[in-house]
N, C-alpha and C. Protein backbone atom coordinates (compact mmCIF):
# COMPACT_ATOMS: atom_id res chain seq x y z
N UNK A 1 -1.46 22.10 -57.76
CA UNK A 1 -0.25 22.59 -57.10
C UNK A 1 0.29 21.48 -56.19
N UNK A 2 1.56 21.21 -56.33
CA UNK A 2 2.18 20.17 -55.52
C UNK A 2 2.38 20.66 -54.10
N UNK A 3 2.20 19.76 -53.08
CA UNK A 3 2.41 20.18 -51.71
C UNK A 3 3.88 20.49 -51.46
N UNK A 4 4.14 21.49 -50.66
CA UNK A 4 5.50 21.86 -50.35
C UNK A 4 6.11 20.82 -49.42
N UNK A 5 7.43 20.84 -49.32
CA UNK A 5 8.12 19.92 -48.42
C UNK A 5 7.69 20.14 -46.98
N UNK A 6 7.50 21.41 -46.61
CA UNK A 6 7.11 21.73 -45.24
C UNK A 6 5.74 21.18 -44.90
N UNK A 7 4.76 21.35 -45.82
CA UNK A 7 3.42 20.86 -45.54
C UNK A 7 3.38 19.33 -45.50
N UNK A 8 4.18 18.69 -46.36
CA UNK A 8 4.24 17.24 -46.35
C UNK A 8 4.85 16.74 -45.05
N UNK A 9 5.88 17.41 -44.55
CA UNK A 9 6.49 17.06 -43.28
C UNK A 9 5.47 17.18 -42.15
N UNK A 10 4.67 18.26 -42.16
CA UNK A 10 3.64 18.45 -41.13
C UNK A 10 2.63 17.31 -41.17
N UNK A 11 2.20 16.93 -42.35
CA UNK A 11 1.20 15.87 -42.50
C UNK A 11 1.69 14.55 -41.95
N UNK A 12 2.95 14.23 -42.19
CA UNK A 12 3.49 12.93 -41.81
C UNK A 12 3.95 12.86 -40.37
N UNK A 13 4.23 14.00 -39.75
CA UNK A 13 4.79 13.97 -38.40
C UNK A 13 3.92 14.67 -37.37
N UNK A 14 3.69 15.96 -37.53
CA UNK A 14 3.00 16.75 -36.53
C UNK A 14 1.54 16.31 -36.38
N UNK A 15 0.85 16.06 -37.48
CA UNK A 15 -0.56 15.71 -37.42
C UNK A 15 -0.81 14.43 -36.64
N UNK A 16 -0.09 13.31 -36.90
CA UNK A 16 -0.31 12.12 -36.11
C UNK A 16 -0.06 12.33 -34.62
N UNK A 17 0.97 13.12 -34.30
CA UNK A 17 1.26 13.38 -32.89
C UNK A 17 0.11 14.15 -32.25
N UNK A 18 -0.42 15.17 -32.95
CA UNK A 18 -1.52 15.95 -32.42
C UNK A 18 -2.74 15.07 -32.19
N UNK A 19 -3.00 14.14 -33.13
CA UNK A 19 -4.13 13.23 -32.99
C UNK A 19 -3.96 12.35 -31.77
N UNK A 20 -2.74 11.88 -31.54
CA UNK A 20 -2.49 11.01 -30.39
C UNK A 20 -2.68 11.77 -29.09
N UNK A 21 -2.21 13.03 -29.07
CA UNK A 21 -2.33 13.82 -27.85
C UNK A 21 -3.77 14.16 -27.54
N UNK A 22 -4.68 14.08 -28.54
CA UNK A 22 -6.07 14.43 -28.34
C UNK A 22 -6.89 13.28 -27.77
N UNK A 23 -6.29 12.09 -27.59
CA UNK A 23 -7.00 10.96 -27.03
C UNK A 23 -7.54 11.31 -25.64
N UNK A 24 -8.73 10.86 -25.36
CA UNK A 24 -9.33 11.08 -24.05
C UNK A 24 -9.67 9.74 -23.42
N UNK A 25 -9.82 9.67 -22.09
CA UNK A 25 -10.16 8.40 -21.43
C UNK A 25 -11.50 7.86 -21.93
N UNK A 26 -11.60 6.54 -22.04
CA UNK A 26 -12.84 5.87 -22.45
C UNK A 26 -13.74 5.69 -21.22
N UNK A 27 -15.02 6.04 -21.36
CA UNK A 27 -15.97 5.92 -20.26
C UNK A 27 -17.09 4.92 -20.54
N UNK A 28 -17.03 4.23 -21.67
CA UNK A 28 -17.97 3.16 -21.96
C UNK A 28 -17.15 1.92 -22.32
N UNK A 29 -17.14 0.94 -21.42
CA UNK A 29 -16.27 -0.22 -21.60
C UNK A 29 -16.75 -1.39 -20.74
N UNK A 30 -16.23 -2.57 -21.07
CA UNK A 30 -16.35 -3.76 -20.22
C UNK A 30 -14.95 -4.30 -20.00
N UNK A 31 -14.73 -4.92 -18.85
CA UNK A 31 -13.40 -5.45 -18.58
C UNK A 31 -13.47 -6.67 -17.66
N UNK A 32 -12.46 -7.50 -17.77
CA UNK A 32 -12.30 -8.67 -16.90
C UNK A 32 -10.91 -8.62 -16.28
N UNK A 33 -10.83 -8.94 -14.97
CA UNK A 33 -9.57 -8.83 -14.26
C UNK A 33 -9.28 -10.07 -13.43
N UNK A 34 -8.02 -10.41 -13.35
CA UNK A 34 -7.55 -11.40 -12.37
C UNK A 34 -7.16 -10.64 -11.11
N UNK A 35 -7.62 -11.11 -9.95
CA UNK A 35 -7.35 -10.46 -8.67
C UNK A 35 -6.41 -11.30 -7.82
N UNK A 36 -5.44 -10.64 -7.21
CA UNK A 36 -4.52 -11.29 -6.28
C UNK A 36 -4.45 -10.40 -5.05
N UNK A 37 -5.04 -10.86 -3.93
CA UNK A 37 -5.18 -10.02 -2.75
C UNK A 37 -4.42 -10.57 -1.56
N UNK A 38 -4.22 -9.70 -0.58
CA UNK A 38 -3.62 -10.10 0.69
C UNK A 38 -4.30 -9.34 1.81
N UNK A 39 -4.75 -10.08 2.81
CA UNK A 39 -5.44 -9.50 3.97
C UNK A 39 -4.63 -9.80 5.21
N UNK A 40 -4.23 -8.75 5.92
CA UNK A 40 -3.51 -8.91 7.17
C UNK A 40 -4.51 -9.25 8.27
N UNK A 41 -4.54 -10.52 8.68
CA UNK A 41 -5.50 -10.98 9.67
C UNK A 41 -4.93 -10.96 11.08
N UNK A 42 -3.85 -10.22 11.29
CA UNK A 42 -3.21 -10.09 12.61
C UNK A 42 -2.84 -11.44 13.18
N UNK A 43 -3.42 -11.82 14.32
CA UNK A 43 -3.03 -13.07 14.98
C UNK A 43 -3.34 -14.29 14.13
N UNK A 44 -4.29 -14.15 13.22
CA UNK A 44 -4.65 -15.28 12.38
C UNK A 44 -3.71 -15.50 11.22
N UNK A 45 -2.74 -14.61 11.03
CA UNK A 45 -1.81 -14.74 9.92
C UNK A 45 -2.37 -14.11 8.66
N UNK A 46 -1.55 -14.04 7.62
CA UNK A 46 -1.98 -13.43 6.37
C UNK A 46 -2.90 -14.35 5.60
N UNK A 47 -3.95 -13.75 5.01
CA UNK A 47 -4.89 -14.46 4.14
C UNK A 47 -4.65 -13.94 2.73
N UNK A 48 -4.53 -14.84 1.75
CA UNK A 48 -4.18 -14.43 0.39
C UNK A 48 -5.18 -15.00 -0.61
N UNK A 49 -6.39 -14.42 -0.65
CA UNK A 49 -7.37 -14.89 -1.63
C UNK A 49 -7.05 -14.38 -3.04
N UNK A 50 -7.50 -15.11 -4.03
CA UNK A 50 -7.41 -14.64 -5.40
C UNK A 50 -8.68 -15.04 -6.14
N UNK A 51 -8.89 -14.44 -7.31
CA UNK A 51 -10.10 -14.73 -8.07
C UNK A 51 -10.20 -13.83 -9.28
N UNK A 52 -11.42 -13.41 -9.62
CA UNK A 52 -11.63 -12.63 -10.82
C UNK A 52 -12.70 -11.57 -10.59
N UNK A 53 -12.75 -10.62 -11.51
CA UNK A 53 -13.72 -9.53 -11.43
C UNK A 53 -14.21 -9.17 -12.83
N UNK A 54 -15.51 -8.92 -12.94
CA UNK A 54 -16.11 -8.37 -14.15
C UNK A 54 -16.60 -6.96 -13.82
N UNK A 55 -16.30 -6.00 -14.68
CA UNK A 55 -16.68 -4.62 -14.42
C UNK A 55 -17.00 -3.91 -15.73
N UNK A 56 -17.66 -2.76 -15.59
CA UNK A 56 -17.98 -1.99 -16.78
C UNK A 56 -18.51 -0.62 -16.43
N UNK A 57 -18.60 0.23 -17.44
CA UNK A 57 -19.15 1.57 -17.27
C UNK A 57 -19.82 1.99 -18.57
N UNK A 58 -20.80 2.91 -18.43
CA UNK A 58 -21.51 3.42 -19.59
C UNK A 58 -21.72 4.91 -19.42
N UNK A 59 -21.16 5.70 -20.34
CA UNK A 59 -21.33 7.15 -20.32
C UNK A 59 -22.60 7.49 -21.08
N UNK A 60 -23.63 8.02 -20.39
CA UNK A 60 -24.92 8.27 -21.04
C UNK A 60 -25.17 9.75 -21.32
N UNK A 61 -24.31 10.64 -20.82
CA UNK A 61 -24.32 12.04 -21.24
C UNK A 61 -22.86 12.48 -21.34
N UNK A 62 -22.65 13.75 -21.71
CA UNK A 62 -21.28 14.26 -21.82
C UNK A 62 -20.56 14.25 -20.48
N UNK A 63 -21.33 14.28 -19.37
CA UNK A 63 -20.69 14.43 -18.06
C UNK A 63 -21.09 13.36 -17.04
N UNK A 64 -21.95 12.40 -17.40
CA UNK A 64 -22.43 11.42 -16.43
C UNK A 64 -22.26 9.99 -16.93
N UNK A 65 -22.08 9.07 -15.99
CA UNK A 65 -21.90 7.67 -16.33
C UNK A 65 -22.41 6.79 -15.19
N UNK A 66 -22.70 5.54 -15.52
CA UNK A 66 -23.01 4.53 -14.51
C UNK A 66 -21.90 3.49 -14.56
N UNK A 67 -21.68 2.81 -13.44
CA UNK A 67 -20.62 1.80 -13.39
C UNK A 67 -21.05 0.66 -12.48
N UNK A 68 -20.41 -0.48 -12.66
CA UNK A 68 -20.70 -1.63 -11.82
C UNK A 68 -19.58 -2.65 -11.89
N UNK A 69 -19.51 -3.49 -10.85
CA UNK A 69 -18.51 -4.55 -10.83
C UNK A 69 -19.00 -5.69 -9.94
N UNK A 70 -18.55 -6.88 -10.28
CA UNK A 70 -18.79 -8.05 -9.44
C UNK A 70 -17.48 -8.84 -9.37
N UNK A 71 -17.06 -9.18 -8.15
CA UNK A 71 -15.82 -9.94 -7.98
C UNK A 71 -16.04 -11.09 -7.02
N UNK A 72 -15.24 -12.12 -7.20
CA UNK A 72 -15.26 -13.25 -6.29
C UNK A 72 -13.83 -13.74 -6.07
N UNK A 73 -13.48 -13.98 -4.80
CA UNK A 73 -12.16 -14.47 -4.44
C UNK A 73 -12.30 -15.55 -3.38
N UNK A 74 -11.31 -16.44 -3.31
CA UNK A 74 -11.36 -17.51 -2.32
C UNK A 74 -9.96 -17.89 -1.88
N UNK A 75 -9.91 -18.50 -0.70
CA UNK A 75 -8.63 -18.97 -0.15
C UNK A 75 -8.93 -20.08 0.84
N UNK A 76 -7.95 -20.92 1.03
CA UNK A 76 -8.02 -21.98 2.03
C UNK A 76 -6.94 -21.68 3.06
N UNK A 77 -7.35 -21.35 4.28
CA UNK A 77 -6.40 -20.89 5.29
C UNK A 77 -6.42 -21.83 6.49
N UNK A 78 -5.31 -21.83 7.19
CA UNK A 78 -5.18 -22.68 8.37
C UNK A 78 -5.76 -21.96 9.58
N UNK A 79 -6.69 -22.62 10.27
CA UNK A 79 -7.33 -22.03 11.43
C UNK A 79 -6.41 -22.12 12.64
N UNK A 80 -6.50 -21.10 13.52
CA UNK A 80 -5.69 -21.13 14.74
C UNK A 80 -6.16 -22.24 15.69
N UNK A 81 -7.34 -22.79 15.42
CA UNK A 81 -7.85 -23.91 16.21
C UNK A 81 -7.42 -25.26 15.62
N UNK A 82 -6.76 -25.21 14.48
CA UNK A 82 -6.35 -26.43 13.80
C UNK A 82 -7.26 -26.72 12.62
N UNK A 83 -6.71 -27.32 11.58
CA UNK A 83 -7.50 -27.61 10.39
C UNK A 83 -7.53 -26.44 9.44
N UNK A 84 -8.16 -26.66 8.28
CA UNK A 84 -8.26 -25.64 7.25
C UNK A 84 -9.66 -25.04 7.21
N UNK A 85 -9.72 -23.78 6.80
CA UNK A 85 -10.98 -23.05 6.68
C UNK A 85 -11.07 -22.48 5.27
N UNK A 86 -12.22 -22.69 4.63
CA UNK A 86 -12.45 -22.12 3.30
C UNK A 86 -13.05 -20.73 3.43
N UNK A 87 -12.44 -19.76 2.76
CA UNK A 87 -12.90 -18.37 2.78
C UNK A 87 -13.31 -17.96 1.37
N UNK A 88 -14.52 -17.40 1.26
CA UNK A 88 -15.01 -16.87 -0.02
C UNK A 88 -15.44 -15.42 0.19
N UNK A 89 -15.01 -14.54 -0.72
CA UNK A 89 -15.37 -13.12 -0.67
C UNK A 89 -16.01 -12.74 -2.00
N UNK A 90 -17.29 -12.38 -1.97
CA UNK A 90 -18.00 -11.91 -3.16
C UNK A 90 -18.39 -10.45 -2.94
N UNK A 91 -18.20 -9.61 -3.94
CA UNK A 91 -18.51 -8.19 -3.79
C UNK A 91 -19.20 -7.66 -5.04
N UNK A 92 -20.32 -6.97 -4.83
CA UNK A 92 -21.07 -6.32 -5.90
C UNK A 92 -21.11 -4.82 -5.63
N UNK A 93 -20.81 -4.04 -6.66
CA UNK A 93 -20.81 -2.58 -6.54
C UNK A 93 -21.53 -1.98 -7.74
N UNK A 94 -22.50 -1.07 -7.48
CA UNK A 94 -23.25 -0.39 -8.53
C UNK A 94 -23.28 1.09 -8.19
N UNK A 95 -22.98 1.95 -9.19
CA UNK A 95 -22.91 3.37 -8.87
C UNK A 95 -23.19 4.28 -10.04
N UNK A 96 -23.16 5.58 -9.74
CA UNK A 96 -23.35 6.62 -10.74
C UNK A 96 -22.32 7.71 -10.46
N UNK A 97 -21.83 8.34 -11.53
CA UNK A 97 -20.77 9.31 -11.34
C UNK A 97 -20.83 10.46 -12.33
N UNK A 98 -19.97 11.46 -12.08
CA UNK A 98 -19.86 12.62 -12.95
C UNK A 98 -18.44 12.81 -13.44
N UNK A 99 -18.30 13.41 -14.62
CA UNK A 99 -17.01 13.63 -15.27
C UNK A 99 -16.79 15.13 -15.45
N UNK A 100 -15.60 15.59 -15.10
CA UNK A 100 -15.20 16.98 -15.33
C UNK A 100 -13.93 16.97 -16.18
N UNK A 101 -14.04 17.37 -17.43
CA UNK A 101 -12.91 17.32 -18.35
C UNK A 101 -12.00 18.53 -18.14
N UNK A 102 -10.73 18.26 -17.86
CA UNK A 102 -9.75 19.34 -17.72
C UNK A 102 -9.23 19.80 -19.07
N UNK A 103 -9.00 18.82 -19.96
CA UNK A 103 -8.58 19.10 -21.33
C UNK A 103 -8.90 17.88 -22.17
N UNK A 104 -8.37 17.82 -23.38
CA UNK A 104 -8.72 16.73 -24.27
C UNK A 104 -8.22 15.37 -23.84
N UNK A 105 -7.30 15.31 -22.89
CA UNK A 105 -6.73 14.02 -22.51
C UNK A 105 -6.85 13.70 -21.02
N UNK A 106 -7.41 14.59 -20.21
CA UNK A 106 -7.45 14.40 -18.76
C UNK A 106 -8.84 14.70 -18.22
N UNK A 107 -9.37 13.75 -17.43
CA UNK A 107 -10.68 13.91 -16.80
C UNK A 107 -10.57 13.73 -15.29
N UNK A 108 -11.27 14.60 -14.55
CA UNK A 108 -11.54 14.36 -13.14
C UNK A 108 -12.90 13.69 -13.03
N UNK A 109 -13.10 12.88 -12.00
CA UNK A 109 -14.39 12.21 -11.86
C UNK A 109 -14.70 11.96 -10.38
N UNK A 110 -15.97 11.68 -10.13
CA UNK A 110 -16.41 11.29 -8.80
C UNK A 110 -17.61 10.39 -8.93
N UNK A 111 -17.79 9.46 -7.98
CA UNK A 111 -18.95 8.58 -8.04
C UNK A 111 -19.39 8.17 -6.64
N UNK A 112 -20.65 7.73 -6.55
CA UNK A 112 -21.20 7.17 -5.32
C UNK A 112 -21.79 5.81 -5.67
N UNK A 113 -21.57 4.82 -4.77
CA UNK A 113 -21.88 3.43 -5.12
C UNK A 113 -22.62 2.70 -4.00
N UNK A 114 -23.48 1.79 -4.39
CA UNK A 114 -24.09 0.83 -3.48
C UNK A 114 -23.17 -0.39 -3.40
N UNK A 115 -22.92 -0.89 -2.19
CA UNK A 115 -22.00 -2.01 -2.00
C UNK A 115 -22.71 -3.19 -1.32
N UNK A 116 -22.48 -4.39 -1.85
CA UNK A 116 -23.02 -5.63 -1.29
C UNK A 116 -21.87 -6.63 -1.21
N UNK A 117 -21.43 -6.92 0.02
CA UNK A 117 -20.32 -7.84 0.24
C UNK A 117 -20.81 -9.09 0.96
N UNK A 118 -20.40 -10.25 0.46
CA UNK A 118 -20.75 -11.52 1.08
C UNK A 118 -19.48 -12.24 1.49
N UNK A 119 -19.33 -12.54 2.78
CA UNK A 119 -18.19 -13.27 3.32
C UNK A 119 -18.67 -14.64 3.81
N UNK A 120 -18.09 -15.68 3.26
CA UNK A 120 -18.46 -17.04 3.65
C UNK A 120 -17.22 -17.75 4.19
N UNK A 121 -17.31 -18.17 5.45
CA UNK A 121 -16.24 -18.92 6.10
C UNK A 121 -16.80 -20.29 6.44
N UNK A 122 -16.34 -21.31 5.69
CA UNK A 122 -16.93 -22.64 5.77
C UNK A 122 -18.43 -22.54 5.57
N UNK A 123 -19.23 -22.91 6.54
CA UNK A 123 -20.69 -22.88 6.38
C UNK A 123 -21.32 -21.59 6.89
N UNK A 124 -20.52 -20.70 7.44
CA UNK A 124 -21.02 -19.44 7.98
C UNK A 124 -21.07 -18.39 6.87
N UNK A 125 -22.28 -17.86 6.62
CA UNK A 125 -22.50 -16.92 5.52
C UNK A 125 -22.89 -15.56 6.09
N UNK A 126 -22.16 -14.51 5.68
CA UNK A 126 -22.41 -13.18 6.21
C UNK A 126 -22.56 -12.21 5.05
N UNK A 127 -23.79 -11.69 4.85
CA UNK A 127 -24.08 -10.78 3.75
C UNK A 127 -24.28 -9.38 4.30
N UNK A 128 -23.43 -8.42 3.86
CA UNK A 128 -23.47 -7.07 4.42
C UNK A 128 -23.61 -6.03 3.31
N UNK A 129 -24.23 -4.90 3.66
CA UNK A 129 -24.52 -3.85 2.69
C UNK A 129 -23.93 -2.52 3.16
N UNK A 130 -23.73 -1.62 2.22
CA UNK A 130 -23.24 -0.30 2.58
C UNK A 130 -23.07 0.57 1.35
N UNK A 131 -22.14 1.52 1.42
CA UNK A 131 -21.94 2.45 0.32
C UNK A 131 -20.46 2.82 0.23
N UNK A 132 -20.10 3.41 -0.89
CA UNK A 132 -18.75 3.95 -1.06
C UNK A 132 -18.83 5.19 -1.93
N UNK A 133 -17.86 6.07 -1.75
CA UNK A 133 -17.71 7.25 -2.61
C UNK A 133 -16.25 7.31 -3.04
N UNK A 134 -16.00 7.87 -4.21
CA UNK A 134 -14.63 7.94 -4.73
C UNK A 134 -14.47 9.15 -5.62
N UNK A 135 -13.25 9.65 -5.70
CA UNK A 135 -12.90 10.73 -6.62
C UNK A 135 -11.51 10.43 -7.18
N UNK A 136 -11.32 10.78 -8.44
CA UNK A 136 -10.02 10.45 -9.04
C UNK A 136 -9.73 11.24 -10.29
N UNK A 137 -8.63 10.87 -10.92
CA UNK A 137 -8.18 11.50 -12.17
C UNK A 137 -7.73 10.42 -13.14
N UNK A 138 -8.10 10.58 -14.41
CA UNK A 138 -7.66 9.69 -15.48
C UNK A 138 -7.05 10.56 -16.58
N UNK A 139 -5.87 10.16 -17.04
CA UNK A 139 -5.20 10.97 -18.05
C UNK A 139 -4.47 10.09 -19.06
N UNK A 140 -4.71 10.32 -20.34
CA UNK A 140 -3.96 9.65 -21.41
C UNK A 140 -2.67 10.45 -21.62
N UNK A 141 -1.58 9.89 -21.15
CA UNK A 141 -0.32 10.64 -21.13
C UNK A 141 0.51 10.46 -22.40
N UNK A 142 0.25 9.35 -23.13
CA UNK A 142 1.06 9.13 -24.34
C UNK A 142 0.42 8.05 -25.20
N UNK A 143 -0.10 8.41 -26.37
CA UNK A 143 -0.55 7.49 -27.41
C UNK A 143 -1.26 6.25 -26.86
N UNK A 144 -2.33 6.43 -26.13
CA UNK A 144 -3.12 5.31 -25.64
C UNK A 144 -2.75 4.84 -24.24
N UNK A 145 -1.66 5.36 -23.68
CA UNK A 145 -1.26 4.97 -22.33
C UNK A 145 -1.97 5.88 -21.32
N UNK A 146 -2.85 5.29 -20.53
CA UNK A 146 -3.61 6.04 -19.52
C UNK A 146 -3.11 5.71 -18.12
N UNK A 147 -2.92 6.73 -17.30
CA UNK A 147 -2.61 6.57 -15.89
C UNK A 147 -3.79 7.09 -15.08
N UNK A 148 -4.06 6.45 -13.94
CA UNK A 148 -5.20 6.87 -13.13
C UNK A 148 -4.89 6.72 -11.65
N UNK A 149 -5.51 7.59 -10.86
CA UNK A 149 -5.36 7.55 -9.41
C UNK A 149 -6.70 7.88 -8.79
N UNK A 150 -7.01 7.23 -7.65
CA UNK A 150 -8.32 7.41 -7.03
C UNK A 150 -8.22 7.29 -5.52
N UNK A 151 -8.96 8.13 -4.80
CA UNK A 151 -9.10 8.01 -3.36
C UNK A 151 -10.59 7.90 -3.06
N UNK A 152 -10.93 7.23 -1.96
CA UNK A 152 -12.34 7.05 -1.65
C UNK A 152 -12.57 6.70 -0.20
N UNK A 153 -13.83 6.36 0.08
CA UNK A 153 -14.27 6.03 1.43
C UNK A 153 -15.33 4.95 1.30
N UNK A 154 -15.26 3.90 2.13
CA UNK A 154 -16.22 2.80 2.06
C UNK A 154 -16.71 2.45 3.46
N UNK A 155 -18.01 2.19 3.56
CA UNK A 155 -18.62 1.82 4.83
C UNK A 155 -19.61 0.68 4.56
N UNK A 156 -19.21 -0.52 4.95
CA UNK A 156 -20.04 -1.72 4.79
C UNK A 156 -20.13 -2.41 6.14
N UNK A 157 -21.32 -2.66 6.63
CA UNK A 157 -21.52 -3.24 7.96
C UNK A 157 -20.66 -4.48 8.18
N UNK A 158 -19.92 -4.49 9.29
CA UNK A 158 -19.12 -5.64 9.73
C UNK A 158 -18.06 -6.08 8.73
N UNK A 159 -17.79 -5.28 7.70
CA UNK A 159 -16.72 -5.60 6.74
C UNK A 159 -15.69 -4.46 6.75
N UNK A 160 -16.12 -3.27 6.37
CA UNK A 160 -15.27 -2.08 6.41
C UNK A 160 -16.03 -1.01 7.20
N UNK A 161 -15.54 -0.72 8.38
CA UNK A 161 -16.22 0.23 9.26
C UNK A 161 -15.72 1.64 9.01
N UNK A 162 -16.08 2.19 7.84
CA UNK A 162 -15.66 3.54 7.50
C UNK A 162 -14.17 3.64 7.23
N UNK A 163 -13.71 3.03 6.14
CA UNK A 163 -12.29 3.01 5.80
C UNK A 163 -12.02 3.82 4.54
N UNK A 164 -10.85 4.46 4.50
CA UNK A 164 -10.42 5.17 3.30
C UNK A 164 -9.79 4.18 2.32
N UNK A 165 -9.94 4.47 1.04
CA UNK A 165 -9.43 3.60 -0.01
C UNK A 165 -8.47 4.38 -0.90
N UNK A 166 -7.59 3.64 -1.57
CA UNK A 166 -6.62 4.23 -2.49
C UNK A 166 -6.41 3.28 -3.65
N UNK A 167 -6.36 3.82 -4.85
CA UNK A 167 -6.15 2.98 -6.03
C UNK A 167 -5.28 3.72 -7.03
N UNK A 168 -4.32 3.00 -7.63
CA UNK A 168 -3.38 3.56 -8.60
C UNK A 168 -3.19 2.54 -9.70
N UNK A 169 -3.26 2.99 -10.96
CA UNK A 169 -3.12 2.02 -12.05
C UNK A 169 -2.80 2.66 -13.38
N UNK A 170 -2.71 1.80 -14.37
CA UNK A 170 -2.45 2.24 -15.74
C UNK A 170 -3.01 1.24 -16.72
N UNK A 171 -3.37 1.71 -17.90
CA UNK A 171 -3.88 0.82 -18.94
C UNK A 171 -3.41 1.33 -20.30
N UNK A 172 -3.06 0.40 -21.17
CA UNK A 172 -2.68 0.77 -22.53
C UNK A 172 -3.76 0.28 -23.48
N UNK A 173 -4.35 1.22 -24.24
CA UNK A 173 -5.44 0.90 -25.15
C UNK A 173 -4.97 0.95 -26.59
N UNK A 174 -5.30 -0.09 -27.35
CA UNK A 174 -4.99 -0.14 -28.76
C UNK A 174 -6.12 0.54 -29.55
N UNK A 175 -5.88 0.80 -30.82
CA UNK A 175 -6.85 1.53 -31.63
C UNK A 175 -8.14 0.75 -31.86
N UNK A 176 -8.11 -0.58 -31.71
CA UNK A 176 -9.32 -1.39 -31.91
C UNK A 176 -10.18 -1.48 -30.65
N UNK A 177 -9.83 -0.72 -29.61
CA UNK A 177 -10.63 -0.69 -28.39
C UNK A 177 -10.17 -1.64 -27.31
N UNK A 178 -9.27 -2.55 -27.62
CA UNK A 178 -8.77 -3.50 -26.63
C UNK A 178 -7.66 -2.85 -25.81
N UNK A 179 -7.70 -3.07 -24.49
CA UNK A 179 -6.68 -2.52 -23.63
C UNK A 179 -6.22 -3.52 -22.59
N UNK A 180 -4.99 -3.38 -22.11
CA UNK A 180 -4.46 -4.22 -21.05
C UNK A 180 -3.89 -3.30 -19.97
N UNK A 181 -4.05 -3.71 -18.70
CA UNK A 181 -3.58 -2.84 -17.64
C UNK A 181 -3.36 -3.55 -16.33
N UNK A 182 -2.81 -2.81 -15.38
CA UNK A 182 -2.58 -3.30 -14.03
C UNK A 182 -2.98 -2.20 -13.05
N UNK A 183 -3.33 -2.60 -11.81
CA UNK A 183 -3.64 -1.61 -10.79
C UNK A 183 -3.39 -2.19 -9.40
N UNK A 184 -3.25 -1.28 -8.46
CA UNK A 184 -3.08 -1.64 -7.04
C UNK A 184 -4.13 -0.89 -6.24
N UNK A 185 -4.82 -1.61 -5.34
CA UNK A 185 -5.86 -1.01 -4.51
C UNK A 185 -5.64 -1.39 -3.05
N UNK A 186 -5.87 -0.42 -2.16
CA UNK A 186 -5.72 -0.68 -0.73
C UNK A 186 -6.97 -0.19 0.01
N UNK A 187 -7.58 -1.11 0.78
CA UNK A 187 -8.71 -0.78 1.66
C UNK A 187 -8.35 -1.30 3.04
N UNK A 188 -7.92 -0.43 3.92
CA UNK A 188 -7.51 -0.81 5.27
C UNK A 188 -6.42 -1.89 5.16
N UNK A 189 -6.68 -3.11 5.68
CA UNK A 189 -5.68 -4.18 5.66
C UNK A 189 -5.78 -5.07 4.43
N UNK A 190 -6.66 -4.73 3.50
CA UNK A 190 -6.84 -5.53 2.28
C UNK A 190 -6.14 -4.85 1.11
N UNK A 191 -5.15 -5.54 0.52
CA UNK A 191 -4.44 -5.04 -0.65
C UNK A 191 -4.77 -5.94 -1.84
N UNK A 192 -5.05 -5.33 -2.99
CA UNK A 192 -5.44 -6.09 -4.17
C UNK A 192 -4.68 -5.61 -5.40
N UNK A 193 -4.07 -6.55 -6.12
CA UNK A 193 -3.46 -6.28 -7.41
C UNK A 193 -4.39 -6.82 -8.50
N UNK A 194 -4.55 -6.05 -9.57
CA UNK A 194 -5.40 -6.45 -10.69
C UNK A 194 -4.58 -6.50 -11.97
N UNK A 195 -4.85 -7.53 -12.79
CA UNK A 195 -4.37 -7.59 -14.18
C UNK A 195 -5.62 -7.61 -15.04
N UNK A 196 -5.76 -6.61 -15.93
CA UNK A 196 -7.04 -6.34 -16.56
C UNK A 196 -6.98 -6.41 -18.08
N UNK A 197 -8.04 -6.96 -18.67
CA UNK A 197 -8.27 -6.93 -20.10
C UNK A 197 -9.55 -6.14 -20.34
N UNK A 198 -9.48 -5.08 -21.12
CA UNK A 198 -10.62 -4.18 -21.32
C UNK A 198 -10.98 -4.07 -22.79
N UNK A 199 -12.30 -3.91 -23.05
CA UNK A 199 -12.75 -3.55 -24.39
C UNK A 199 -13.58 -2.27 -24.28
N UNK A 200 -13.17 -1.21 -24.98
CA UNK A 200 -13.87 0.06 -24.94
C UNK A 200 -14.70 0.22 -26.20
N UNK A 201 -15.95 0.70 -26.02
CA UNK A 201 -16.85 0.96 -27.14
C UNK A 201 -16.66 2.40 -27.57
N UNK A 202 -16.05 2.60 -28.74
CA UNK A 202 -15.70 3.94 -29.19
C UNK A 202 -16.58 4.37 -30.35
């Protein structure tokens, strides 16, 4: 029996759209990002470090995942005493989180993380430890286009003394697992823009 015109129309149009709408956020991936930051140093003037970040996550059950990231940024700034000062910021974050699926394309999540921040100003090296917590939403809104928003709290000795965080971004993922995206993050006086290349294991 030959397919009817109506069924053929459904196959060619409605079915692909339904498949696209069923996409869900990827929770097992690796990514590399370029970082461009700005720190309001008050009387010392603005500090604008840049650098890179490696990050990833692994979903090991239907509702749980682990995540981690390492970033390094640097800048050469003019000291108020005269001369230039080299600034290096290295940050390591390791955590575990949970996923709550709202529907086939939208997930709520939360995580708790161990934080290790190293600030080096010329020969002065300051290594500080602490923790952070975050909660957010990730949603595939259209054929691989994901939007995400996150709020959190971070407490790292002598770096962030109990500060709230905010992050907003988007990523477009292709069918082969490769994705490109941008995001904006704010932690007190530190603002960071990211340009990201991601590979998701599907």
